[in-house]
């Protein structure tokens, strides 16, 4: 049974840092990529970053580029999202998701429908 489990969400002051973790398990093959998405009430889920598990190719949304870093530890089946210089607008529920199979174009990894499994989410609140 495939499982994704996020952890690391917390309340942090503006300018602070957090590291989110996404532990994945139960895959008989893959996953091909792990993505981080976030959502606030009344808004659509938006892509934050993704990473391919095998070769580590990654990308970031413009709003987080230079502040967030995605990485993976394949020995631990875990993907991390290191977040620095956090802003109040980063406040959201953060979800990790797994695309089990190769996608033909990397840009597709910004599309929530390309992901086969989702975690339960972890709350990040940036506030003074």
Foldseek 3Di string as FASTA:
>chain_A
DKAWAKDWADEAAQQAKIKIKIAIDDDPADQQKKWKWWDDPPDDIFTAKMAGDPPGDMDGDPVQPPFWDWDDDVVRNMIMIIGGRDDQVVWTWMKMFTQRDDDPDPVCVRPPVNTDDIHPTGTHGYHD
